[in-house]
Protein backbone atom coordinates (compact mmCIF):
# COMPACT_ATOMS: atom_id res chain seq x y z
CA UNK A 1 82.57 68.35 -54.23
CA UNK A 2 86.26 68.89 -53.50
CA UNK A 3 88.39 67.12 -56.03
CA UNK A 4 91.87 65.81 -55.16
CA UNK A 5 95.01 67.34 -56.64
CA UNK A 6 97.43 65.23 -58.58
CA UNK A 7 100.04 64.08 -56.05
CA UNK A 8 103.14 66.28 -55.99
CA UNK A 9 105.19 63.54 -54.29
CA UNK A 10 106.88 61.57 -55.67
CA UNK A 11 107.72 63.94 -58.52
CA UNK A 12 107.36 62.45 -61.98
CA UNK A 13 110.52 61.63 -63.86
CA UNK A 14 111.69 64.47 -66.10
CA UNK A 15 111.24 65.53 -68.78
CA UNK A 16 107.49 65.61 -69.27
CA UNK A 17 106.84 68.15 -71.96
CA UNK A 18 103.31 69.22 -72.82
CA UNK A 19 101.90 68.23 -76.21
CA UNK A 20 99.18 70.33 -77.82
CA UNK A 21 96.23 68.88 -79.72
CA UNK A 22 92.93 70.23 -80.94
CA UNK A 23 89.49 68.73 -80.64
CA UNK A 24 88.04 67.27 -83.87
CA UNK A 25 84.38 66.30 -84.23
CA UNK A 26 83.87 63.19 -86.26
CA UNK A 27 81.25 62.62 -88.97
CA UNK A 28 78.95 65.29 -90.35
CA UNK A 29 77.29 65.44 -93.75
CA UNK A 30 80.62 64.87 -95.56
CA UNK A 31 81.85 62.07 -93.33
CA UNK A 32 85.36 61.52 -92.05
CA UNK A 33 87.23 63.62 -89.44
CA UNK A 34 86.27 67.22 -89.97
CA UNK A 35 86.66 70.50 -88.12
CA UNK A 36 83.00 71.53 -88.26
CA UNK A 37 83.16 75.04 -86.86
CA UNK A 38 85.59 77.41 -85.24
CA UNK A 39 83.44 77.35 -82.07
CA UNK A 40 83.86 73.56 -81.89
CA UNK A 41 87.59 73.56 -82.37
CA UNK A 42 89.12 76.88 -81.37
CA UNK A 43 90.47 75.71 -78.00
CA UNK A 44 93.80 73.90 -77.85
CA UNK A 45 93.93 70.96 -75.42
CA UNK A 46 97.11 69.86 -73.66
CA UNK A 47 98.30 66.32 -72.88
CA UNK A 48 101.33 65.04 -70.97
CA UNK A 49 102.75 61.66 -70.08
CA UNK A 50 104.07 61.11 -66.57
CA UNK A 51 106.39 58.33 -65.42
CA UNK A 52 107.25 57.70 -61.79
CA UNK A 53 110.36 55.71 -60.69
CA UNK A 54 111.26 55.06 -57.03
CA UNK A 55 113.09 52.47 -54.93
CA UNK A 56 110.37 52.18 -52.26
CA UNK A 57 106.93 51.05 -53.45
CA UNK A 58 105.32 52.97 -50.62
CA UNK A 59 106.33 56.17 -52.41
CA UNK A 60 104.06 55.20 -55.26
CA UNK A 61 101.09 54.53 -53.08
CA UNK A 62 99.81 58.17 -53.06
CA UNK A 63 99.58 57.95 -56.85
CA UNK A 64 97.67 54.70 -56.72
CA UNK A 65 95.36 56.11 -54.01
CA UNK A 66 94.79 59.13 -56.20
CA UNK A 67 93.93 56.89 -59.15
CA UNK A 68 91.27 55.18 -57.05
CA UNK A 69 89.85 58.48 -55.74
CA UNK A 70 89.22 59.90 -59.23
CA UNK A 71 87.78 56.68 -60.65
CA UNK A 72 90.50 56.04 -63.21
CA UNK A 73 89.97 57.52 -66.64
CA UNK A 74 86.42 58.59 -65.77
CA UNK A 75 87.54 61.20 -63.27
CA UNK A 76 88.13 64.84 -63.92
CA UNK A 77 90.37 66.51 -61.38
CA UNK A 78 92.47 69.56 -60.64
CA UNK A 79 96.21 69.79 -61.05
CA UNK A 80 98.52 72.72 -60.81
CA UNK A 81 101.51 73.34 -63.08
CA UNK A 82 103.10 69.95 -63.18
CA UNK A 83 106.09 71.31 -64.97
CA UNK A 84 106.95 73.62 -62.08
CA UNK A 85 105.48 71.77 -59.12
CA UNK A 86 108.80 71.64 -57.30
CA UNK A 87 109.32 75.46 -57.46
CA UNK A 88 107.34 78.62 -56.82
CA UNK A 89 105.44 78.72 -60.02
CA UNK A 90 105.92 80.97 -63.06
CA UNK A 91 104.66 84.34 -64.19
CA UNK A 92 101.32 84.05 -65.97
CA UNK A 93 100.26 86.87 -68.23
CA UNK A 94 96.45 87.13 -67.99
CA UNK A 95 95.93 83.37 -67.37
CA UNK A 96 92.29 84.07 -66.79
CA UNK A 97 89.82 86.49 -68.25
CA UNK A 98 86.18 85.79 -67.48
CA UNK A 99 82.88 87.41 -66.70
CA UNK A 100 81.33 87.73 -63.29
CA UNK A 101 78.38 85.34 -63.44
CA UNK A 102 76.73 86.00 -60.04
CA UNK A 103 76.45 88.86 -57.64
CA UNK A 104 79.03 88.13 -54.97
CA UNK A 105 82.18 89.62 -53.44
CA UNK A 106 84.11 86.30 -53.43
CA UNK A 107 85.86 85.09 -56.63
CA UNK A 108 87.98 81.96 -57.04
CA UNK A 109 91.13 82.54 -59.12
CA UNK A 110 92.68 79.73 -61.26
CA UNK A 111 96.03 80.20 -59.56
CA UNK A 112 97.58 79.19 -56.23
CA UNK A 113 100.22 80.80 -54.03
CA UNK A 114 100.28 84.08 -55.93
CA UNK A 115 103.00 86.48 -54.97
CA UNK A 116 102.29 90.01 -53.89
CA UNK A 117 104.92 91.33 -56.25
CA UNK A 118 103.71 91.54 -59.83
CA UNK A 119 100.13 90.51 -58.98
CA UNK A 120 97.57 92.49 -61.02
CA UNK A 121 93.78 92.11 -60.88
CA UNK A 122 91.64 94.11 -63.23
CA UNK A 123 87.86 94.66 -63.33
CA UNK A 124 86.66 95.70 -66.79
CA UNK A 125 90.27 96.65 -67.62
CA UNK A 126 90.82 98.84 -64.57
CA UNK A 127 93.65 97.78 -62.22
CA UNK A 128 92.65 97.36 -58.61
CA UNK A 129 94.61 97.91 -55.39
CA UNK A 130 95.34 94.54 -53.80
CA UNK A 131 96.19 93.50 -50.28
CA UNK A 132 97.74 89.96 -50.03
CA UNK A 133 96.60 87.92 -47.00
CA UNK A 134 98.20 84.59 -46.17
CA UNK A 135 95.51 82.68 -44.27
CA UNK A 136 98.06 79.92 -43.35
CA UNK A 137 100.29 82.33 -41.50
CA UNK A 138 100.37 82.24 -37.69
CA UNK A 139 99.19 85.85 -37.50
CA UNK A 140 97.68 86.81 -40.89
CA UNK A 141 96.85 90.43 -41.41
CA UNK A 142 93.18 91.39 -41.46
CA UNK A 143 91.46 93.08 -44.38
CA UNK A 144 92.31 96.71 -43.79
CA UNK A 145 89.20 98.18 -45.39
CA UNK A 146 91.11 100.38 -47.78
CA UNK A 147 92.14 98.05 -50.68
CA UNK A 148 89.89 97.26 -53.64
CA UNK A 149 90.79 93.53 -53.59
CA UNK A 150 91.87 91.24 -50.78
CA UNK A 151 93.86 88.28 -52.06
CA UNK A 152 93.48 85.34 -49.72
CA UNK A 153 96.14 82.70 -50.56
CA UNK A 154 94.84 79.07 -50.95
CA UNK A 155 91.45 79.98 -49.40
CA UNK A 156 89.23 78.72 -52.21
CA UNK A 157 88.41 75.23 -53.63
CA UNK A 158 91.42 72.89 -53.83
CA UNK A 159 93.82 75.53 -52.67
CA UNK A 160 93.00 78.17 -55.25
CA UNK A 161 93.53 81.77 -54.29
CA UNK A 162 90.42 83.80 -53.52
CA UNK A 163 89.83 87.46 -54.39
CA UNK A 164 87.42 89.36 -52.09
CA UNK A 165 86.10 92.70 -53.30
CA UNK A 166 85.08 95.52 -50.98
CA UNK A 167 81.85 95.99 -52.85
CA UNK A 168 79.67 93.63 -54.89
CA UNK A 169 80.63 93.75 -58.56
CA UNK A 170 78.29 94.06 -61.56
CA UNK A 171 77.31 90.82 -63.17
CA UNK A 172 79.00 90.68 -66.53
CA UNK A 173 82.09 92.59 -65.46
CA UNK A 174 85.35 91.19 -66.85
CA UNK A 175 87.95 89.83 -64.39
CA UNK A 176 91.59 89.65 -65.48
CA UNK A 177 94.63 88.61 -63.51
CA UNK A 178 98.32 88.19 -64.08
CA UNK A 179 100.51 86.76 -61.34
CA UNK A 180 103.42 84.62 -60.29
CA UNK A 181 102.15 81.29 -59.00
CA UNK A 182 100.82 77.83 -59.85
CA UNK A 183 98.07 77.82 -62.45
CA UNK A 184 95.17 75.39 -62.05
CA UNK A 185 93.79 73.32 -64.89
CA UNK A 186 91.36 70.40 -65.04
CA UNK A 187 92.56 67.08 -66.45
CA UNK A 188 91.41 63.54 -67.16
CA UNK A 189 93.47 60.36 -66.90
CA UNK A 190 93.42 58.47 -70.17
CA UNK A 191 94.70 55.00 -69.18
CA UNK A 192 92.33 52.18 -68.22
CA UNK A 193 95.03 50.76 -65.95
CA UNK A 194 98.09 52.17 -64.21
CA UNK A 195 101.05 50.02 -65.25
CA UNK A 196 103.44 49.05 -62.47
CA UNK A 197 106.81 47.43 -63.30
CA UNK A 198 109.05 45.80 -60.66
CA UNK A 199 112.74 45.51 -61.71
CA UNK A 200 115.89 44.34 -59.91
CA UNK A 201 113.83 43.52 -56.77
CA UNK A 202 114.05 47.09 -55.50
CA UNK A 203 113.01 49.50 -58.29
CA UNK A 204 109.38 50.27 -59.02
CA UNK A 205 108.14 52.19 -62.09
CA UNK A 206 104.60 53.47 -62.56
CA UNK A 207 103.62 54.90 -65.89
CA UNK A 208 103.42 56.39 -68.31
CA UNK A 209 100.23 58.05 -67.05
CA UNK A 210 98.67 60.22 -69.76
CA UNK A 211 96.73 63.28 -68.80
CA UNK A 212 94.68 65.55 -70.99
CA UNK A 213 93.20 68.94 -70.24
CA UNK A 214 89.39 69.15 -69.96
CA UNK A 215 87.44 72.23 -70.91
């Protein structure tokens, strides 16, 4: 299933700084709120409140359509770097380190529109040679057969970049990347309803919409 991305237009009103929280499991033999184990609580989660403000209500319609498409607070969806969604992304230092789970030559990366400059992909700690291929270009270059990794921009699910290796990699090998671009994360909408306010006959405000990262 292809999930929709959070609408990039209209842009949310700034600022919208991330807040960091940690998961807490409730209950247990001692009662109350308790961090039961490090495994249960080691990952920080991020939340952010978004507010949209426009003169033309039609500009808010993509946000409302998106809300319907993900099923309100029950939906989990992709978004990419809301804080830099009007630029070219930022430099991520090893935003993803994971193990190869299945024997394949295609690997989705949790980043979009990576730049060729500064892009590093490692397999078990060994840097690979990379050829960047823009599949949206009028005449994209073909895989030349000499690089270790072919980076196809926006060619994977929801516009993620895709890495294609020349040879099938060993299951369990560690993938690491660092790159300039938009990082993908999964989020859930927290509100039961999207508030819409109409003021001065011409101004429409939608929000705040609260998102939280899902792991």
